[in-house]
Amino acid sequence: VPEPDPQWNGQDPDPASSPAPYRIYNIGSNAPVKLMDFIHEI
């Protein structure tokens, strides 16, 4: 369960956290692939 971020700064607000119990994350492979390479795998 997320908790409020005590380091959050309204003068330089981070969109991924908050003084509220709220977080945003990316979920990806972190290994981008060219579409044509993807097609070749198929």
All heavy atoms as atom14 arrays in JSON, in Angstrom:
{
  "sequence": "VPEPDPQWNGQDPDPASSPAPYRIYNIGSNAPVKLMDFIHEI",
  "atom14_mask": [
    [1, 1, 1, 1, 1, 1, 1, 0, 0, 0, 0, 0, 0, 0],
    [1, 1, 1, 1, 1, 1, 1, 0, 0, 0, 0, 0, 0, 0],
    [1, 1, 1, 1, 1, 1, 1, 1, 1, 0, 0, 0, 0, 0],
    [1, 1, 1, 1, 1, 1, 1, 0, 0, 0, 0, 0, 0, 0],
    [1, 1, 1, 1, 1, 1, 1, 1, 0, 0, 0, 0, 0, 0],
    [1, 1, 1, 1, 1, 1, 1, 0, 0, 0, 0, 0, 0, 0],
    [1, 1, 1, 1, 1, 1, 1, 1, 1, 0, 0, 0, 0, 0],
    [1, 1, 1, 1, 1, 1, 1, 1, 1, 1, 1, 1, 1, 1],
    [1, 1, 1, 1, 1, 1, 1, 1, 0, 0, 0, 0, 0, 0],
    [1, 1, 1, 1, 0, 0, 0, 0, 0, 0, 0, 0, 0, 0],
    [1, 1, 1, 1, 1, 1, 1, 1, 1, 0, 0, 0, 0, 0],
    [1, 1, 1, 1, 1, 1, 1, 1, 0, 0, 0, 0, 0, 0],
    [1, 1, 1, 1, 1, 1, 1, 0, 0, 0, 0, 0, 0, 0],
    [1, 1, 1, 1, 1, 1, 1, 1, 0, 0, 0, 0, 0, 0],
    [1, 1, 1, 1, 1, 1, 1, 0, 0, 0, 0, 0, 0, 0],
    [1, 1, 1, 1, 1, 0, 0, 0, 0, 0, 0, 0, 0, 0],
    [1, 1, 1, 1, 1, 1, 0, 0, 0, 0, 0, 0, 0, 0],
    [1, 1, 1, 1, 1, 1, 0, 0, 0, 0, 0, 0, 0, 0],
    [1, 1, 1, 1, 1, 1, 1, 0, 0, 0, 0, 0, 0, 0],
    [1, 1, 1, 1, 1, 0, 0, 0, 0, 0, 0, 0, 0, 0],
    [1, 1, 1, 1, 1, 1, 1, 0, 0, 0, 0, 0, 0, 0],
    [1, 1, 1, 1, 1, 1, 1, 1, 1, 1, 1, 1, 0, 0],
    [1, 1, 1, 1, 1, 1, 1, 1, 1, 1, 1, 0, 0, 0],
    [1, 1, 1, 1, 1, 1, 1, 1, 0, 0, 0, 0, 0, 0],
    [1, 1, 1, 1, 1, 1, 1, 1, 1, 1, 1, 1, 0, 0],
    [1, 1, 1, 1, 1, 1, 1, 1, 0, 0, 0, 0, 0, 0],
    [1, 1, 1, 1, 1, 1, 1, 1, 0, 0, 0, 0, 0, 0],
    [1, 1, 1, 1, 0, 0, 0, 0, 0, 0, 0, 0, 0, 0],
    [1, 1, 1, 1, 1, 1, 0, 0, 0, 0, 0, 0, 0, 0],
    [1, 1, 1, 1, 1, 1, 1, 1, 0, 0, 0, 0, 0, 0],
    [1, 1, 1, 1, 1, 0, 0, 0, 0, 0, 0, 0, 0, 0],
    [1, 1, 1, 1, 1, 1, 1, 0, 0, 0, 0, 0, 0, 0],
    [1, 1, 1, 1, 1, 1, 1, 0, 0, 0, 0, 0, 0, 0],
    [1, 1, 1, 1, 1, 1, 1, 1, 1, 0, 0, 0, 0, 0],
    [1, 1, 1, 1, 1, 1, 1, 1, 0, 0, 0, 0, 0, 0],
    [1, 1, 1, 1, 1, 1, 1, 1, 0, 0, 0, 0, 0, 0],
    [1, 1, 1, 1, 1, 1, 1, 1, 0, 0, 0, 0, 0, 0],
    [1, 1, 1, 1, 1, 1, 1, 1, 1, 1, 1, 0, 0, 0],
    [1, 1, 1, 1, 1, 1, 1, 1, 0, 0, 0, 0, 0, 0],
    [1, 1, 1, 1, 1, 1, 1, 1, 1, 1, 0, 0, 0, 0],
    [1, 1, 1, 1, 1, 1, 1, 1, 1, 0, 0, 0, 0, 0],
    [1, 1, 1, 1, 1, 1, 1, 1, 0, 0, 0, 0, 0, 0]
  ],
  "atom14_positions": [
    [[0.84, -1.19, 0.0], [0.0, 0.0, 0.0], [0.88, 1.25, 0.0], [1.79, 1.38, 0.83], [-0.92, 0.01, 1.23], [-1.79, 1.27, 1.25], [-1.8, -1.24, 1.24], [0.0, 0.0, 0.0], [0.0, 0.0, 0.0], [0.0, 0.0, 0.0], [0.0, 0.0, 0.0], [0.0, 0.0, 0.0], [0.0, 0.0, 0.0], [0.0, 0.0, 0.0]],
    [[0.64, 2.19, -0.93], [1.46, 3.4, -0.97], [1.18, 4.31, 0.22], [0.08, 4.34, 0.75], [1.04, 4.07, -2.28], [-0.36, 3.6, -2.5], [-0.41, 2.19, -1.97], [0.0, 0.0, 0.0], [0.0, 0.0, 0.0], [0.0, 0.0, 0.0], [0.0, 0.0, 0.0], [0.0, 0.0, 0.0], [0.0, 0.0, 0.0], [0.0, 0.0, 0.0]],
    [[2.21, 5.05, 0.61], [2.08, 6.02, 1.68], [2.4, 7.41, 1.14], [3.04, 7.54, 0.09], [3.03, 5.67, 2.84], [2.69, 4.34, 3.5], [3.63, 4.02, 4.65], [4.61, 4.77, 4.84], [3.37, 3.02, 5.35], [0.0, 0.0, 0.0], [0.0, 0.0, 0.0], [0.0, 0.0, 0.0], [0.0, 0.0, 0.0], [0.0, 0.0, 0.0]],
    [[1.97, 8.46, 1.82], [2.34, 9.81, 1.38], [3.85, 9.97, 1.27], [4.6, 9.39, 2.06], [1.74, 10.69, 2.48], [0.63, 9.89, 3.06], [1.07, 8.47, 3.0], [0.0, 0.0, 0.0], [0.0, 0.0, 0.0], [0.0, 0.0, 0.0], [0.0, 0.0, 0.0], [0.0, 0.0, 0.0], [0.0, 0.0, 0.0], [0.0, 0.0, 0.0]],
    [[4.27, 10.73, 0.29], [5.7, 10.97, 0.07], [6.13, 12.21, 0.86], [5.76, 13.33, 0.5], [5.96, 11.18, -1.42], [7.42, 11.42, -1.74], [8.24, 11.42, -0.8], [7.75, 11.62, -2.93], [0.0, 0.0, 0.0], [0.0, 0.0, 0.0], [0.0, 0.0, 0.0], [0.0, 0.0, 0.0], [0.0, 0.0, 0.0], [0.0, 0.0, 0.0]],
    [[6.9, 12.02, 1.93], [7.28, 13.18, 2.76], [8.24, 14.13, 2.04], [8.4, 15.28, 2.47], [7.97, 12.53, 3.97], [8.45, 11.21, 3.47], [7.45, 10.76, 2.44], [0.0, 0.0, 0.0], [0.0, 0.0, 0.0], [0.0, 0.0, 0.0], [0.0, 0.0, 0.0], [0.0, 0.0, 0.0], [0.0, 0.0, 0.0], [0.0, 0.0, 0.0]],
    [[8.86, 13.67, 0.94], [9.8, 14.5, 0.2], [9.13, 15.31, -0.92], [9.8, 16.1, -1.59], [10.91, 13.63, -0.4], [11.64, 12.77, 0.61], [12.31, 13.57, 1.7], [12.89, 14.63, 1.43], [12.21, 13.11, 2.95], [0.0, 0.0, 0.0], [0.0, 0.0, 0.0], [0.0, 0.0, 0.0], [0.0, 0.0, 0.0], [0.0, 0.0, 0.0]],
    [[7.83, 15.1, -1.11], [7.15, 15.77, -2.22], [7.17, 17.28, -2.02], [6.94, 17.78, -0.92], [5.71, 15.26, -2.33], [5.06, 15.62, -3.63], [5.12, 14.95, -4.81], [4.2, 16.76, -3.88], [4.37, 15.57, -5.78], [3.81, 16.7, -5.23], [3.75, 17.81, -3.09], [2.97, 17.64, -5.81], [2.92, 18.76, -3.67], [2.54, 18.67, -5.02]],
    [[7.43, 18.0, -3.1], [7.63, 19.44, -3.03], [6.68, 20.14, -4.0], [6.78, 19.97, -5.21], [9.08, 19.77, -3.37], [9.37, 21.26, -3.33], [8.51, 22.07, -3.01], [10.6, 21.62, -3.66], [0.0, 0.0, 0.0], [0.0, 0.0, 0.0], [0.0, 0.0, 0.0], [0.0, 0.0, 0.0], [0.0, 0.0, 0.0], [0.0, 0.0, 0.0]],
    [[5.77, 20.93, -3.47], [4.81, 21.65, -4.31], [5.44, 22.7, -5.2], [4.84, 23.13, -6.18], [0.0, 0.0, 0.0], [0.0, 0.0, 0.0], [0.0, 0.0, 0.0], [0.0, 0.0, 0.0], [0.0, 0.0, 0.0], [0.0, 0.0, 0.0], [0.0, 0.0, 0.0], [0.0, 0.0, 0.0], [0.0, 0.0, 0.0], [0.0, 0.0, 0.0]],
    [[6.66, 23.13, -4.88], [7.36, 24.08, -5.74], [7.96, 23.4, -6.97], [8.19, 24.03, -7.99], [8.48, 24.76, -4.94], [7.99, 25.65, -3.81], [7.25, 26.87, -4.31], [7.67, 27.52, -5.27], [6.13, 27.19, -3.67], [0.0, 0.0, 0.0], [0.0, 0.0, 0.0], [0.0, 0.0, 0.0], [0.0, 0.0, 0.0], [0.0, 0.0, 0.0]],
    [[8.22, 22.12, -6.84], [8.77, 21.31, -7.94], [8.08, 19.96, -7.92], [8.67, 18.94, -7.59], [10.28, 21.15, -7.77], [10.93, 20.4, -8.94], [10.33, 20.37, -10.04], [12.02, 19.82, -8.73], [0.0, 0.0, 0.0], [0.0, 0.0, 0.0], [0.0, 0.0, 0.0], [0.0, 0.0, 0.0], [0.0, 0.0, 0.0], [0.0, 0.0, 0.0]],
    [[6.79, 19.92, -8.28], [5.97, 18.73, -8.05], [6.35, 17.55, -8.95], [6.47, 17.71, -10.17], [4.54, 19.21, -8.35], [4.71, 20.39, -9.24], [6.0, 21.04, -8.84], [0.0, 0.0, 0.0], [0.0, 0.0, 0.0], [0.0, 0.0, 0.0], [0.0, 0.0, 0.0], [0.0, 0.0, 0.0], [0.0, 0.0, 0.0], [0.0, 0.0, 0.0]],
    [[6.54, 16.4, -8.35], [6.82, 15.16, -9.08], [5.47, 14.51, -9.41], [4.73, 14.14, -8.5], [7.66, 14.23, -8.22], [7.95, 12.9, -8.9], [7.54, 12.72, -10.07], [8.61, 12.05, -8.27], [0.0, 0.0, 0.0], [0.0, 0.0, 0.0], [0.0, 0.0, 0.0], [0.0, 0.0, 0.0], [0.0, 0.0, 0.0], [0.0, 0.0, 0.0]],
    [[5.12, 14.35, -10.71], [3.83, 13.76, -11.07], [3.66, 12.31, -10.6], [2.55, 11.81, -10.56], [3.81, 13.84, -12.6], [4.83, 14.85, -12.97], [5.88, 14.77, -11.9], [0.0, 0.0, 0.0], [0.0, 0.0, 0.0], [0.0, 0.0, 0.0], [0.0, 0.0, 0.0], [0.0, 0.0, 0.0], [0.0, 0.0, 0.0], [0.0, 0.0, 0.0]],
    [[4.77, 11.62, -10.29], [4.71, 10.2, -9.96], [4.45, 9.93, -8.48], [4.24, 8.78, -8.1], [6.0, 9.5, -10.38], [0.0, 0.0, 0.0], [0.0, 0.0, 0.0], [0.0, 0.0, 0.0], [0.0, 0.0, 0.0], [0.0, 0.0, 0.0], [0.0, 0.0, 0.0], [0.0, 0.0, 0.0], [0.0, 0.0, 0.0], [0.0, 0.0, 0.0]],
    [[4.47, 10.97, -7.64], [4.21, 10.78, -6.22], [3.38, 11.94, -5.71], [2.95, 12.81, -6.47], [5.52, 10.63, -5.44], [6.22, 11.86, -5.41], [0.0, 0.0, 0.0], [0.0, 0.0, 0.0], [0.0, 0.0, 0.0], [0.0, 0.0, 0.0], [0.0, 0.0, 0.0], [0.0, 0.0, 0.0], [0.0, 0.0, 0.0], [0.0, 0.0, 0.0]],
    [[3.17, 11.97, -4.38], [2.24, 12.95, -3.85], [2.33, 12.99, -2.33], [2.76, 12.01, -1.71], [0.81, 12.57, -4.26], [-0.15, 13.41, -3.65], [0.0, 0.0, 0.0], [0.0, 0.0, 0.0], [0.0, 0.0, 0.0], [0.0, 0.0, 0.0], [0.0, 0.0, 0.0], [0.0, 0.0, 0.0], [0.0, 0.0, 0.0], [0.0, 0.0, 0.0]],
    [[1.88, 14.07, -1.71], [1.69, 14.05, -0.26], [0.48, 13.2, 0.13], [0.25, 12.94, 1.3], [1.47, 15.52, 0.09], [0.97, 16.15, -1.16], [1.63, 15.4, -2.29], [0.0, 0.0, 0.0], [0.0, 0.0, 0.0], [0.0, 0.0, 0.0], [0.0, 0.0, 0.0], [0.0, 0.0, 0.0], [0.0, 0.0, 0.0], [0.0, 0.0, 0.0]],
    [[-0.3, 12.77, -0.86], [-1.38, 11.8, -0.66], [-0.81, 10.39, -0.9], [0.26, 10.24, -1.48], [-2.52, 12.08, -1.64], [0.0, 0.0, 0.0], [0.0, 0.0, 0.0], [0.0, 0.0, 0.0], [0.0, 0.0, 0.0], [0.0, 0.0, 0.0], [0.0, 0.0, 0.0], [0.0, 0.0, 0.0], [0.0, 0.0, 0.0], [0.0, 0.0, 0.0]],
    [[-1.52, 9.35, -0.48], [-1.06, 7.97, -0.72], [-1.29, 7.57, -2.18], [-2.26, 6.88, -2.52], [-1.9, 7.14, 0.24], [-3.17, 7.93, 0.4], [-2.76, 9.38, 0.34], [0.0, 0.0, 0.0], [0.0, 0.0, 0.0], [0.0, 0.0, 0.0], [0.0, 0.0, 0.0], [0.0, 0.0, 0.0], [0.0, 0.0, 0.0], [0.0, 0.0, 0.0]],
    [[-0.39, 7.99, -3.05], [-0.61, 7.89, -4.51], [0.73, 7.73, -5.2], [1.71, 8.43, -4.87], [-1.31, 9.16, -4.99], [-1.48, 9.28, -6.49], [-2.58, 8.73, -7.14], [-0.54, 9.96, -7.27], [-2.76, 8.86, -8.51], [-0.71, 10.11, -8.64], [-1.81, 9.55, -9.25], [-1.98, 9.68, -10.61], [0.0, 0.0, 0.0], [0.0, 0.0, 0.0]],
    [[0.8, 6.81, -6.17], [2.02, 6.61, -6.94], [1.66, 6.26, -8.39], [0.6, 5.68, -8.67], [2.87, 5.47, -6.38], [3.48, 5.73, -5.02], [4.56, 6.79, -5.04], [5.24, 6.9, -3.76], [4.77, 7.54, -2.7], [3.58, 8.15, -2.77], [5.46, 7.59, -1.57], [0.0, 0.0, 0.0], [0.0, 0.0, 0.0], [0.0, 0.0, 0.0]],
    [[2.57, 6.6, -9.29], [2.48, 6.2, -10.7], [3.79, 5.51, -11.07], [4.88, 5.99, -10.74], [2.28, 7.42, -11.63], [0.91, 8.05, -11.41], [2.45, 7.01, -13.09], [-0.27, 7.24, -11.93], [0.0, 0.0, 0.0], [0.0, 0.0, 0.0], [0.0, 0.0, 0.0], [0.0, 0.0, 0.0], [0.0, 0.0, 0.0], [0.0, 0.0, 0.0]],
    [[3.68, 4.36, -11.76], [4.86, 3.63, -12.23], [4.68, 3.21, -13.69], [3.55, 2.96, -14.15], [5.08, 2.35, -11.41], [5.37, 2.58, -9.95], [4.35, 2.48, -9.01], [6.66, 2.88, -9.51], [4.61, 2.69, -7.66], [6.93, 3.08, -8.16], [5.9, 2.98, -7.24], [6.15, 3.19, -5.91], [0.0, 0.0, 0.0], [0.0, 0.0, 0.0]],
    [[5.78, 3.12, -14.4], [5.82, 2.44, -15.7], [6.05, 0.95, -15.48], [6.83, 0.57, -14.59], [6.98, 2.96, -16.56], [6.77, 4.37, -17.07], [5.64, 4.82, -17.26], [7.86, 5.08, -17.32], [0.0, 0.0, 0.0], [0.0, 0.0, 0.0], [0.0, 0.0, 0.0], [0.0, 0.0, 0.0], [0.0, 0.0, 0.0], [0.0, 0.0, 0.0]],
    [[5.41, 0.13, -16.31], [5.8, -1.29, -16.4], [6.1, -1.58, -17.86], [5.2, -1.57, -18.72], [4.71, -2.26, -15.92], [4.34, -2.01, -14.46], [5.21, -3.7, -16.05], [3.43, -3.06, -13.87], [0.0, 0.0, 0.0], [0.0, 0.0, 0.0], [0.0, 0.0, 0.0], [0.0, 0.0, 0.0], [0.0, 0.0, 0.0], [0.0, 0.0, 0.0]],
    [[7.36, -1.81, -18.17], [7.79, -2.14, -19.53], [8.97, -3.08, -19.48], [9.45, -3.46, -18.4], [0.0, 0.0, 0.0], [0.0, 0.0, 0.0], [0.0, 0.0, 0.0], [0.0, 0.0, 0.0], [0.0, 0.0, 0.0], [0.0, 0.0, 0.0], [0.0, 0.0, 0.0], [0.0, 0.0, 0.0], [0.0, 0.0, 0.0], [0.0, 0.0, 0.0]],
    [[9.45, -3.46, -20.63], [10.6, -4.37, -20.7], [11.91, -3.62, -20.58], [12.95, -4.21, -20.31], [10.58, -5.14, -22.03], [10.84, -4.25, -23.1], [0.0, 0.0, 0.0], [0.0, 0.0, 0.0], [0.0, 0.0, 0.0], [0.0, 0.0, 0.0], [0.0, 0.0, 0.0], [0.0, 0.0, 0.0], [0.0, 0.0, 0.0], [0.0, 0.0, 0.0]],
    [[11.87, -2.3, -20.82], [13.07, -1.46, -20.86], [14.04, -1.95, -21.93], [15.26, -1.78, -21.81], [13.76, -1.41, -19.49], [14.73, -0.26, -19.37], [14.56, 0.77, -20.02], [15.77, -0.43, -18.57], [0.0, 0.0, 0.0], [0.0, 0.0, 0.0], [0.0, 0.0, 0.0], [0.0, 0.0, 0.0], [0.0, 0.0, 0.0], [0.0, 0.0, 0.0]],
    [[13.49, -2.58, -22.98], [14.32, -3.08, -24.09], [13.55, -2.9, -25.39], [13.0, -3.86, -25.94], [14.68, -4.54, -23.87], [0.0, 0.0, 0.0], [0.0, 0.0, 0.0], [0.0, 0.0, 0.0], [0.0, 0.0, 0.0], [0.0, 0.0, 0.0], [0.0, 0.0, 0.0], [0.0, 0.0, 0.0], [0.0, 0.0, 0.0], [0.0, 0.0, 0.0]],
    [[13.45, -1.66, -25.91], [12.65, -1.4, -27.11], [13.12, -2.22, -28.31], [14.31, -2.52, -28.45], [12.87, 0.1, -27.35], [13.32, 0.65, -26.05], [14.08, -0.45, -25.38], [0.0, 0.0, 0.0], [0.0, 0.0, 0.0], [0.0, 0.0, 0.0], [0.0, 0.0, 0.0], [0.0, 0.0, 0.0], [0.0, 0.0, 0.0], [0.0, 0.0, 0.0]],
    [[12.14, -2.59, -29.14], [12.4, -3.45, -30.3], [11.82, -2.78, -31.54], [10.69, -2.25, -31.5], [11.75, -4.84, -30.1], [11.9, -5.71, -31.35], [12.36, -5.53, -28.88], [0.0, 0.0, 0.0], [0.0, 0.0, 0.0], [0.0, 0.0, 0.0], [0.0, 0.0, 0.0], [0.0, 0.0, 0.0], [0.0, 0.0, 0.0], [0.0, 0.0, 0.0]],
    [[12.56, -2.81, -32.63], [12.03, -2.3, -33.89], [10.88, -3.17, -34.36], [10.93, -4.4, -34.25], [13.14, -2.27, -34.94], [14.26, -1.29, -34.66], [15.32, -1.36, -35.75], [16.45, -0.37, -35.46], [17.53, -0.46, -36.5], [0.0, 0.0, 0.0], [0.0, 0.0, 0.0], [0.0, 0.0, 0.0], [0.0, 0.0, 0.0], [0.0, 0.0, 0.0]],
    [[9.85, -2.53, -34.9], [8.67, -3.27, -35.34], [9.04, -4.33, -36.37], [8.52, -5.46, -36.32], [7.63, -2.31, -35.92], [6.35, -2.96, -36.46], [5.63, -3.73, -35.36], [5.42, -1.91, -37.05], [0.0, 0.0, 0.0], [0.0, 0.0, 0.0], [0.0, 0.0, 0.0], [0.0, 0.0, 0.0], [0.0, 0.0, 0.0], [0.0, 0.0, 0.0]],
    [[9.93, -4.03, -37.3], [10.3, -5.01, -38.32], [11.02, -6.21, -37.7], [10.85, -7.35, -38.15], [11.15, -4.36, -39.41], [10.41, -3.34, -40.26], [8.84, -3.94, -40.96], [9.41, -5.35, -41.91], [0.0, 0.0, 0.0], [0.0, 0.0, 0.0], [0.0, 0.0, 0.0], [0.0, 0.0, 0.0], [0.0, 0.0, 0.0], [0.0, 0.0, 0.0]],
    [[11.8, -5.99, -36.64], [12.44, -7.11, -35.95], [11.4, -7.98, -35.26], [11.54, -9.21, -35.21], [13.46, -6.59, -34.93], [14.69, -5.96, -35.58], [14.92, -6.21, -36.79], [15.4, -5.21, -34.89], [0.0, 0.0, 0.0], [0.0, 0.0, 0.0], [0.0, 0.0, 0.0], [0.0, 0.0, 0.0], [0.0, 0.0, 0.0], [0.0, 0.0, 0.0]],
    [[10.38, -7.34, -34.73], [9.28, -8.07, -34.09], [8.57, -8.95, -35.13], [8.27, -10.13, -34.87], [8.31, -7.07, -33.49], [7.29, -7.65, -32.54], [7.68, -8.14, -31.3], [5.95, -7.67, -32.86], [6.75, -8.65, -30.41], [5.01, -8.18, -31.99], [5.41, -8.67, -30.76], [0.0, 0.0, 0.0], [0.0, 0.0, 0.0], [0.0, 0.0, 0.0]],
    [[8.32, -8.39, -36.3], [7.69, -9.15, -37.39], [8.57, -10.32, -37.81], [8.08, -11.44, -38.06], [7.37, -8.23, -38.58], [6.27, -7.24, -38.19], [6.96, -9.03, -39.8], [6.02, -6.14, -39.2], [0.0, 0.0, 0.0], [0.0, 0.0, 0.0], [0.0, 0.0, 0.0], [0.0, 0.0, 0.0], [0.0, 0.0, 0.0], [0.0, 0.0, 0.0]],
    [[9.88, -10.12, -37.87], [10.79, -11.21, -38.25], [10.72, -12.35, -37.23], [10.84, -13.53, -37.62], [12.22, -10.69, -38.37], [12.43, -9.72, -39.49], [11.71, -9.8, -40.68], [13.28, -8.65, -39.61], [12.11, -8.82, -41.48], [13.04, -8.12, -40.86], [0.0, 0.0, 0.0], [0.0, 0.0, 0.0], [0.0, 0.0, 0.0], [0.0, 0.0, 0.0]],
    [[10.53, -12.03, -35.96], [10.39, -13.08, -34.95], [9.13, -13.91, -35.19], [9.14, -15.13, -35.03], [10.35, -12.47, -33.54], [11.69, -12.05, -32.99], [12.65, -13.21, -32.84], [12.22, -14.32, -32.42], [13.84, -13.03, -33.14], [0.0, 0.0, 0.0], [0.0, 0.0, 0.0], [0.0, 0.0, 0.0], [0.0, 0.0, 0.0], [0.0, 0.0, 0.0]],
    [[8.06, -13.24, -35.58], [6.82, -13.98, -35.89], [7.04, -14.88, -37.1], [6.67, -16.07, -37.09], [5.66, -12.99, -36.18], [5.46, -12.04, -34.99], [4.37, -13.76, -36.47], [4.49, -10.9, -35.28], [0.0, 0.0, 0.0], [0.0, 0.0, 0.0], [0.0, 0.0, 0.0], [0.0, 0.0, 0.0], [0.0, 0.0, 0.0], [0.0, 0.0, 0.0]]
  ]
}
